[in-house]
Amino acid sequence: MEINVTELIRDYRMMKREVERLQRIIYGQPMPMRSWGVAQYGIEATLPHGSSGKSQAELRDMDIREQKQIARLEEYQRKVYAIESAGDFLDREILRIVYDCMLSGMTRQQIAVH
């Protein structure tokens, strides 16, 4: 599978908006990325809490459209997380700044002026 980084960066903002839209449809509200897989400590870790996802029985009973929405949501979440995490692997501050500008939708000319 070939990954086109330029397309991923170009489509990043659209994917981020789509993740929020799908989360509102499926869960009723968007979930912040910080809560994706966050460990809990102290008393909160010992208390029972429900899953933010759907149970297997609910997944079976969902219609095809909802199943496709969940699959698309999971795919976009993986891509958005990967794109946002990639900046941590850049070794120079100038590269991190340029990468951040690209993710915020700035054109090459705007980045050069910045």
C-alpha atoms as a PDB file:
ATOM      1  CA  MET A   1       0.000   0.000   0.000  1.00  0.00           C
ATOM      2  CA  GLU A   2       1.495   3.309  -1.088  1.00  0.00           C
ATOM      3  CA  ILE A   3       1.001   6.288   1.220  1.00  0.00           C
ATOM      4  CA  ASN A   4       1.028   9.753  -0.301  1.00  0.00           C
ATOM      5  CA  VAL A   5       2.124  12.093   2.511  1.00  0.00           C
ATOM      6  CA  THR A   6       1.341  15.224   0.493  1.00  0.00           C
ATOM      7  CA  GLU A   7      -2.279  14.126   0.058  1.00  0.00           C
ATOM      8  CA  LEU A   8      -2.590  13.229   3.739  1.00  0.00           C
ATOM      9  CA  ILE A   9      -1.351  16.663   4.811  1.00  0.00           C
ATOM     10  CA  ARG A  10      -3.566  18.379   2.221  1.00  0.00           C
ATOM     11  CA  ASP A  11      -6.645  16.435   3.380  1.00  0.00           C
ATOM     12  CA  TYR A  12      -5.845  16.694   7.110  1.00  0.00           C
ATOM     13  CA  ARG A  13      -8.266  19.527   7.928  1.00  0.00           C
ATOM     14  CA  MET A  14     -11.099  17.844   6.001  1.00  0.00           C
ATOM     15  CA  MET A  15     -10.472  14.567   7.834  1.00  0.00           C
ATOM     16  CA  LYS A  16     -10.404  16.342  11.203  1.00  0.00           C
ATOM     17  CA  ARG A  17     -13.771  18.000  10.468  1.00  0.00           C
ATOM     18  CA  GLU A  18     -15.188  14.682   9.247  1.00  0.00           C
ATOM     19  CA  VAL A  19     -14.066  12.937  12.465  1.00  0.00           C
ATOM     20  CA  GLU A  20     -15.945  15.542  14.520  1.00  0.00           C
ATOM     21  CA  ARG A  21     -19.039  15.271  12.288  1.00  0.00           C
ATOM     22  CA  LEU A  22     -19.103  11.465  12.487  1.00  0.00           C
ATOM     23  CA  GLN A  23     -18.561  11.522  16.250  1.00  0.00           C
ATOM     24  CA  ARG A  24     -21.539  13.870  16.618  1.00  0.00           C
ATOM     25  CA  ILE A  25     -23.695  11.517  14.511  1.00  0.00           C
ATOM     26  CA  ILE A  26     -22.581   8.302  16.236  1.00  0.00           C
ATOM     27  CA  TYR A  27     -21.934   9.389  19.842  1.00  0.00           C
ATOM     28  CA  GLY A  28     -23.981  12.589  20.059  1.00  0.00           C
ATOM     29  CA  GLN A  29     -20.917  14.772  20.665  1.00  0.00           C
ATOM     30  CA  PRO A  30     -17.307  14.987  19.489  1.00  0.00           C
ATOM     31  CA  MET A  31     -14.682  13.322  21.684  1.00  0.00           C
ATOM     32  CA  PRO A  32     -11.366  15.142  22.158  1.00  0.00           C
ATOM     33  CA  MET A  33      -8.358  13.268  20.788  1.00  0.00           C
ATOM     34  CA  ARG A  34      -6.737  13.455  24.222  1.00  0.00           C
ATOM     35  CA  SER A  35      -9.282  10.923  25.466  1.00  0.00           C
ATOM     36  CA  TRP A  36      -8.465   8.330  22.769  1.00  0.00           C
ATOM     37  CA  GLY A  37      -6.794   5.612  24.835  1.00  0.00           C
ATOM     38  CA  VAL A  38      -5.951   7.775  27.861  1.00  0.00           C
ATOM     39  CA  ALA A  39      -4.992   5.843  30.980  1.00  0.00           C
ATOM     40  CA  GLN A  40      -6.718   6.663  34.251  1.00  0.00           C
ATOM     41  CA  TYR A  41      -5.065   6.765  37.656  1.00  0.00           C
ATOM     42  CA  GLY A  42      -6.269   6.695  41.238  1.00  0.00           C
ATOM     43  CA  ILE A  43      -9.862   5.999  42.195  1.00  0.00           C
ATOM     44  CA  GLU A  44     -11.090   6.624  38.626  1.00  0.00           C
ATOM     45  CA  ALA A  45      -9.127   3.602  37.415  1.00  0.00           C
ATOM     46  CA  THR A  46     -10.935   1.260  39.818  1.00  0.00           C
ATOM     47  CA  LEU A  47     -14.461   2.434  39.078  1.00  0.00           C
ATOM     48  CA  PRO A  48     -16.496   0.705  36.382  1.00  0.00           C
ATOM     49  CA  HIS A  49     -17.239   2.784  33.314  1.00  0.00           C
ATOM     50  CA  GLY A  50     -18.998   2.068  30.076  1.00  0.00           C
ATOM     51  CA  SER A  51     -17.297   1.876  26.736  1.00  0.00           C
ATOM     52  CA  SER A  52     -17.527   4.915  24.457  1.00  0.00           C
ATOM     53  CA  GLY A  53     -17.856   2.511  21.530  1.00  0.00           C
ATOM     54  CA  LYS A  54     -20.682   0.260  20.504  1.00  0.00           C
ATOM     55  CA  SER A  55     -21.142  -3.284  21.845  1.00  0.00           C
ATOM     56  CA  GLN A  56     -21.066  -6.278  19.510  1.00  0.00           C
ATOM     57  CA  ALA A  57     -24.851  -6.659  19.775  1.00  0.00           C
ATOM     58  CA  GLU A  58     -25.358  -3.006  18.858  1.00  0.00           C
ATOM     59  CA  LEU A  59     -22.945  -3.335  15.932  1.00  0.00           C
ATOM     60  CA  ARG A  60     -24.913  -6.338  14.577  1.00  0.00           C
ATOM     61  CA  ASP A  61     -28.200  -4.447  14.828  1.00  0.00           C
ATOM     62  CA  MET A  62     -26.945  -1.301  13.120  1.00  0.00           C
ATOM     63  CA  ASP A  63     -27.828  -0.679   9.529  1.00  0.00           C
ATOM     64  CA  ILE A  64     -25.245  -0.701   6.758  1.00  0.00           C
ATOM     65  CA  ARG A  65     -24.937   3.093   6.669  1.00  0.00           C
ATOM     66  CA  GLU A  66     -24.053   3.302  10.375  1.00  0.00           C
ATOM     67  CA  GLN A  67     -21.506   0.488  10.005  1.00  0.00           C
ATOM     68  CA  LYS A  68     -19.848   2.359   7.141  1.00  0.00           C
ATOM     69  CA  GLN A  69     -19.817   5.557   9.196  1.00  0.00           C
ATOM     70  CA  ILE A  70     -18.079   3.803  12.081  1.00  0.00           C
ATOM     71  CA  ALA A  71     -15.531   2.211   9.735  1.00  0.00           C
ATOM     72  CA  ARG A  72     -14.841   5.597   8.108  1.00  0.00           C
ATOM     73  CA  LEU A  73     -14.583   7.267  11.539  1.00  0.00           C
ATOM     74  CA  GLU A  74     -12.017   4.713  12.725  1.00  0.00           C
ATOM     75  CA  GLU A  75      -9.983   5.088   9.525  1.00  0.00           C
ATOM     76  CA  TYR A  76      -9.963   8.893   9.736  1.00  0.00           C
ATOM     77  CA  GLN A  77      -9.095   8.803  13.449  1.00  0.00           C
ATOM     78  CA  ARG A  78      -6.052   6.631  12.693  1.00  0.00           C
ATOM     79  CA  LYS A  79      -4.941   8.959   9.896  1.00  0.00           C
ATOM     80  CA  VAL A  80      -5.481  12.169  11.916  1.00  0.00           C
ATOM     81  CA  TYR A  81      -3.607  10.713  14.882  1.00  0.00           C
ATOM     82  CA  ALA A  82      -0.712   9.619  12.652  1.00  0.00           C
ATOM     83  CA  ILE A  83      -0.504  13.024  10.967  1.00  0.00           C
ATOM     84  CA  GLU A  84      -0.556  14.886  14.273  1.00  0.00           C
ATOM     85  CA  SER A  85       2.021  12.530  15.811  1.00  0.00           C
ATOM     86  CA  ALA A  86       4.404  12.759  12.843  1.00  0.00           C
ATOM     87  CA  GLY A  87       5.506  16.255  13.851  1.00  0.00           C
ATOM     88  CA  ASP A  88       7.113  14.799  16.988  1.00  0.00           C
ATOM     89  CA  PHE A  89       9.670  12.967  14.845  1.00  0.00           C
ATOM     90  CA  LEU A  90      11.036  16.089  13.146  1.00  0.00           C
ATOM     91  CA  ASP A  91      14.456  16.916  14.516  1.00  0.00           C
ATOM     92  CA  ARG A  92      14.693  20.675  13.833  1.00  0.00           C
ATOM     93  CA  GLU A  93      12.411  23.383  15.190  1.00  0.00           C
ATOM     94  CA  ILE A  94      12.069  25.072  11.777  1.00  0.00           C
ATOM     95  CA  LEU A  95      10.736  21.820  10.322  1.00  0.00           C
ATOM     96  CA  ARG A  96       8.184  21.549  13.147  1.00  0.00           C
ATOM     97  CA  ILE A  97       7.034  25.118  12.474  1.00  0.00           C
ATOM     98  CA  VAL A  98       6.674  24.503   8.730  1.00  0.00           C
ATOM     99  CA  TYR A  99       4.835  21.226   9.378  1.00  0.00           C
ATOM    100  CA  ASP A 100       2.461  22.950  11.801  1.00  0.00           C
ATOM    101  CA  CYS A 101       1.818  25.715   9.246  1.00  0.00           C
ATOM    102  CA  MET A 102       1.071  23.098   6.588  1.00  0.00           C
ATOM    103  CA  LEU A 103      -1.423  21.372   8.889  1.00  0.00           C
ATOM    104  CA  SER A 104      -3.173  24.669   9.577  1.00  0.00           C
ATOM    105  CA  GLY A 105      -3.759  25.061   5.823  1.00  0.00           C
ATOM    106  CA  MET A 106      -1.181  27.695   4.908  1.00  0.00           C
ATOM    107  CA  THR A 107       0.083  27.732   1.331  1.00  0.00           C
ATOM    108  CA  ARG A 108       3.790  27.443   0.529  1.00  0.00           C
ATOM    109  CA  GLN A 109       3.926  31.161  -0.235  1.00  0.00           C
ATOM    110  CA  GLN A 110       2.257  32.014   3.093  1.00  0.00           C
ATOM    111  CA  ILE A 111       4.700  29.751   4.922  1.00  0.00           C
ATOM    112  CA  ALA A 112       7.655  31.422   3.172  1.00  0.00           C
ATOM    113  CA  VAL A 113       6.394  34.884   4.221  1.00  0.00           C
ATOM    114  CA  HIS A 114       5.809  33.643   7.760  1.00  0.00           C
END
